[in-house]
Amino acid sequence: MNTKKAKQRIKFQRPAGSLDDDGFPIKQPTEYVTVWAELKTLKGRTFYAAAQNNMQHNREFKIRYNRKLDDRERPKGLIVIWKEVEHDIVSIENDDGLNKTMTVVVKAVS
């Protein structure tokens, strides 16, 4: 991953109303982890495929591998904040299973 391209700051938060690790309700959003990300613009075939599936507000970020965001560690119900806009997580994938980079696909909440 070229770290010079990772210019976007994204925050993973636990939303208000969810439960913390001890099972108590969270009264206000709490930050889980903040990372630098590279925004991947949809081009060519993927752009047209997204348009057909009404996925215009989907965004794809590439981040360094973070164990806290792995499926086994990540708490349920996380949201992503990018440029002060709330996004739901569509998927977080460990690229090629090499623990070097992750692809995060999010959808803007409207």
C-alpha atoms as a PDB file:
ATOM      1  CA  MET A   1       0.000   0.000   0.000  1.00  0.00           C
ATOM      2  CA  ASN A   2       1.305   3.407  -0.928  1.00  0.00           C
ATOM      3  CA  THR A   3       0.904   5.442   2.275  1.00  0.00           C
ATOM      4  CA  LYS A   4       1.183   8.712   0.339  1.00  0.00           C
ATOM      5  CA  LYS A   5      -2.246   7.987  -1.167  1.00  0.00           C
ATOM      6  CA  ALA A   6      -3.854   7.421   2.250  1.00  0.00           C
ATOM      7  CA  LYS A   7      -5.070  11.002   2.686  1.00  0.00           C
ATOM      8  CA  GLN A   8      -8.582  10.397   4.021  1.00  0.00           C
ATOM      9  CA  ARG A   9      -9.231  10.158   7.762  1.00  0.00           C
ATOM     10  CA  ILE A  10     -12.056   7.790   8.685  1.00  0.00           C
ATOM     11  CA  LYS A  11     -13.412   7.012  12.150  1.00  0.00           C
ATOM     12  CA  PHE A  12     -15.063   3.794  13.224  1.00  0.00           C
ATOM     13  CA  GLN A  13     -17.608   4.478  15.981  1.00  0.00           C
ATOM     14  CA  ARG A  14     -19.975   2.582  18.180  1.00  0.00           C
ATOM     15  CA  PRO A  15     -23.326   4.384  17.757  1.00  0.00           C
ATOM     16  CA  ALA A  16     -25.463   5.590  20.654  1.00  0.00           C
ATOM     17  CA  GLY A  17     -27.934   2.950  21.742  1.00  0.00           C
ATOM     18  CA  SER A  18     -25.585   0.014  21.139  1.00  0.00           C
ATOM     19  CA  LEU A  19     -23.947  -2.008  23.908  1.00  0.00           C
ATOM     20  CA  ASP A  20     -20.358  -1.758  25.132  1.00  0.00           C
ATOM     21  CA  ASP A  21     -18.088  -4.752  25.876  1.00  0.00           C
ATOM     22  CA  ASP A  22     -19.649  -5.216  29.323  1.00  0.00           C
ATOM     23  CA  GLY A  23     -23.228  -5.147  28.020  1.00  0.00           C
ATOM     24  CA  PHE A  24     -24.121  -1.640  29.183  1.00  0.00           C
ATOM     25  CA  PRO A  25     -25.928   0.729  26.789  1.00  0.00           C
ATOM     26  CA  ILE A  26     -23.875   3.505  25.177  1.00  0.00           C
ATOM     27  CA  LYS A  27     -25.505   6.929  25.648  1.00  0.00           C
ATOM     28  CA  GLN A  28     -23.427   8.788  23.024  1.00  0.00           C
ATOM     29  CA  PRO A  29     -21.303   7.628  20.087  1.00  0.00           C
ATOM     30  CA  THR A  30     -17.852   6.438  21.144  1.00  0.00           C
ATOM     31  CA  GLU A  31     -14.814   6.217  18.923  1.00  0.00           C
ATOM     32  CA  TYR A  32     -13.548   2.685  18.333  1.00  0.00           C
ATOM     33  CA  VAL A  33     -10.580   3.349  16.024  1.00  0.00           C
ATOM     34  CA  THR A  34      -9.439   6.076  13.600  1.00  0.00           C
ATOM     35  CA  VAL A  35      -7.361   5.224  10.508  1.00  0.00           C
ATOM     36  CA  TRP A  36      -5.887   6.807   7.399  1.00  0.00           C
ATOM     37  CA  ALA A  37      -7.478   5.539   4.201  1.00  0.00           C
ATOM     38  CA  GLU A  38      -7.150   5.720   0.448  1.00  0.00           C
ATOM     39  CA  LEU A  39     -10.439   6.481  -1.291  1.00  0.00           C
ATOM     40  CA  LYS A  40     -10.896   4.164  -4.263  1.00  0.00           C
ATOM     41  CA  THR A  41     -13.025   5.770  -6.959  1.00  0.00           C
ATOM     42  CA  LEU A  42     -15.350   3.484  -8.887  1.00  0.00           C
ATOM     43  CA  LYS A  43     -14.343   3.429 -12.538  1.00  0.00           C
ATOM     44  CA  GLY A  44     -15.316   1.574 -15.687  1.00  0.00           C
ATOM     45  CA  ARG A  45     -17.341  -1.585 -15.236  1.00  0.00           C
ATOM     46  CA  THR A  46     -17.583  -1.277 -11.453  1.00  0.00           C
ATOM     47  CA  PHE A  47     -19.064   2.221 -11.814  1.00  0.00           C
ATOM     48  CA  TYR A  48     -21.793   0.996 -14.174  1.00  0.00           C
ATOM     49  CA  ALA A  49     -22.463  -2.107 -12.076  1.00  0.00           C
ATOM     50  CA  ALA A  50     -22.893   0.070  -8.976  1.00  0.00           C
ATOM     51  CA  ALA A  51     -25.270   2.386 -10.856  1.00  0.00           C
ATOM     52  CA  GLN A  52     -27.410  -0.589 -11.925  1.00  0.00           C
ATOM     53  CA  ASN A  53     -27.647  -1.830  -8.340  1.00  0.00           C
ATOM     54  CA  ASN A  54     -28.529   1.630  -6.948  1.00  0.00           C
ATOM     55  CA  MET A  55     -25.239   1.805  -5.055  1.00  0.00           C
ATOM     56  CA  GLN A  56     -24.404   5.403  -5.948  1.00  0.00           C
ATOM     57  CA  HIS A  57     -23.593   6.320  -2.357  1.00  0.00           C
ATOM     58  CA  ASN A  58     -21.194   3.431  -1.803  1.00  0.00           C
ATOM     59  CA  ARG A  59     -17.564   4.259  -1.204  1.00  0.00           C
ATOM     60  CA  GLU A  60     -14.564   1.989  -1.106  1.00  0.00           C
ATOM     61  CA  PHE A  61     -11.548   2.667   1.107  1.00  0.00           C
ATOM     62  CA  LYS A  62      -8.241   0.857   1.308  1.00  0.00           C
ATOM     63  CA  ILE A  63      -6.585   0.882   4.741  1.00  0.00           C
ATOM     64  CA  ARG A  64      -3.638  -0.793   6.409  1.00  0.00           C
ATOM     65  CA  TYR A  65      -4.530  -4.033   8.161  1.00  0.00           C
ATOM     66  CA  ASN A  66      -5.911  -3.402  11.647  1.00  0.00           C
ATOM     67  CA  ARG A  67      -6.561  -6.382  13.901  1.00  0.00           C
ATOM     68  CA  LYS A  68      -9.327  -4.452  15.719  1.00  0.00           C
ATOM     69  CA  LEU A  69     -11.332  -4.383  12.454  1.00  0.00           C
ATOM     70  CA  ASP A  70     -10.973  -8.101  11.738  1.00  0.00           C
ATOM     71  CA  ASP A  71     -14.235 -10.085  11.803  1.00  0.00           C
ATOM     72  CA  ARG A  72     -13.314 -11.855  15.046  1.00  0.00           C
ATOM     73  CA  GLU A  73     -12.420  -8.645  16.933  1.00  0.00           C
ATOM     74  CA  ARG A  74     -14.794  -6.034  15.496  1.00  0.00           C
ATOM     75  CA  PRO A  75     -17.939  -5.341  17.560  1.00  0.00           C
ATOM     76  CA  LYS A  76     -21.316  -5.491  15.863  1.00  0.00           C
ATOM     77  CA  GLY A  77     -23.015  -2.292  14.716  1.00  0.00           C
ATOM     78  CA  LEU A  78     -19.974  -0.115  13.995  1.00  0.00           C
ATOM     79  CA  ILE A  79     -20.462   2.911  11.764  1.00  0.00           C
ATOM     80  CA  VAL A  80     -17.919   4.921   9.752  1.00  0.00           C
ATOM     81  CA  ILE A  81     -17.620   8.701   9.875  1.00  0.00           C
ATOM     82  CA  TRP A  82     -15.974  10.276   6.813  1.00  0.00           C
ATOM     83  CA  LYS A  83     -16.047  14.037   6.263  1.00  0.00           C
ATOM     84  CA  GLU A  84     -18.639  14.373   9.051  1.00  0.00           C
ATOM     85  CA  VAL A  85     -21.041  12.037   7.181  1.00  0.00           C
ATOM     86  CA  GLU A  86     -22.244   8.811   8.768  1.00  0.00           C
ATOM     87  CA  HIS A  87     -21.832   5.606   6.724  1.00  0.00           C
ATOM     88  CA  ASP A  88     -22.977   2.044   7.357  1.00  0.00           C
ATOM     89  CA  ILE A  89     -20.410  -0.688   6.820  1.00  0.00           C
ATOM     90  CA  VAL A  90     -21.222  -2.954   3.875  1.00  0.00           C
ATOM     91  CA  SER A  91     -18.090  -5.092   4.242  1.00  0.00           C
ATOM     92  CA  ILE A  92     -14.534  -5.135   5.571  1.00  0.00           C
ATOM     93  CA  GLU A  93     -12.242  -7.611   3.828  1.00  0.00           C
ATOM     94  CA  ASN A  94      -8.674  -8.650   4.605  1.00  0.00           C
ATOM     95  CA  ASP A  95      -7.100  -8.321   1.132  1.00  0.00           C
ATOM     96  CA  ASP A  96      -5.776 -11.713  -0.026  1.00  0.00           C
ATOM     97  CA  GLY A  97      -5.618 -12.880   3.623  1.00  0.00           C
ATOM     98  CA  LEU A  98      -2.110 -11.420   3.954  1.00  0.00           C
ATOM     99  CA  ASN A  99      -2.805  -9.089   6.918  1.00  0.00           C
ATOM    100  CA  LYS A 100      -1.311  -6.116   5.027  1.00  0.00           C
ATOM    101  CA  THR A 101      -4.311  -4.153   3.748  1.00  0.00           C
ATOM    102  CA  MET A 102      -8.081  -4.165   4.150  1.00  0.00           C
ATOM    103  CA  THR A 103     -10.829  -2.989   1.815  1.00  0.00           C
ATOM    104  CA  VAL A 104     -13.696  -1.192   3.548  1.00  0.00           C
ATOM    105  CA  VAL A 105     -16.951  -0.712   1.591  1.00  0.00           C
ATOM    106  CA  VAL A 106     -19.416   1.730   3.159  1.00  0.00           C
ATOM    107  CA  LYS A 107     -22.766   3.242   2.227  1.00  0.00           C
ATOM    108  CA  ALA A 108     -23.817   6.776   3.151  1.00  0.00           C
ATOM    109  CA  VAL A 109     -26.751   6.966   5.538  1.00  0.00           C
ATOM    110  CA  SER A 110     -29.452   9.230   4.118  1.00  0.00           C
END
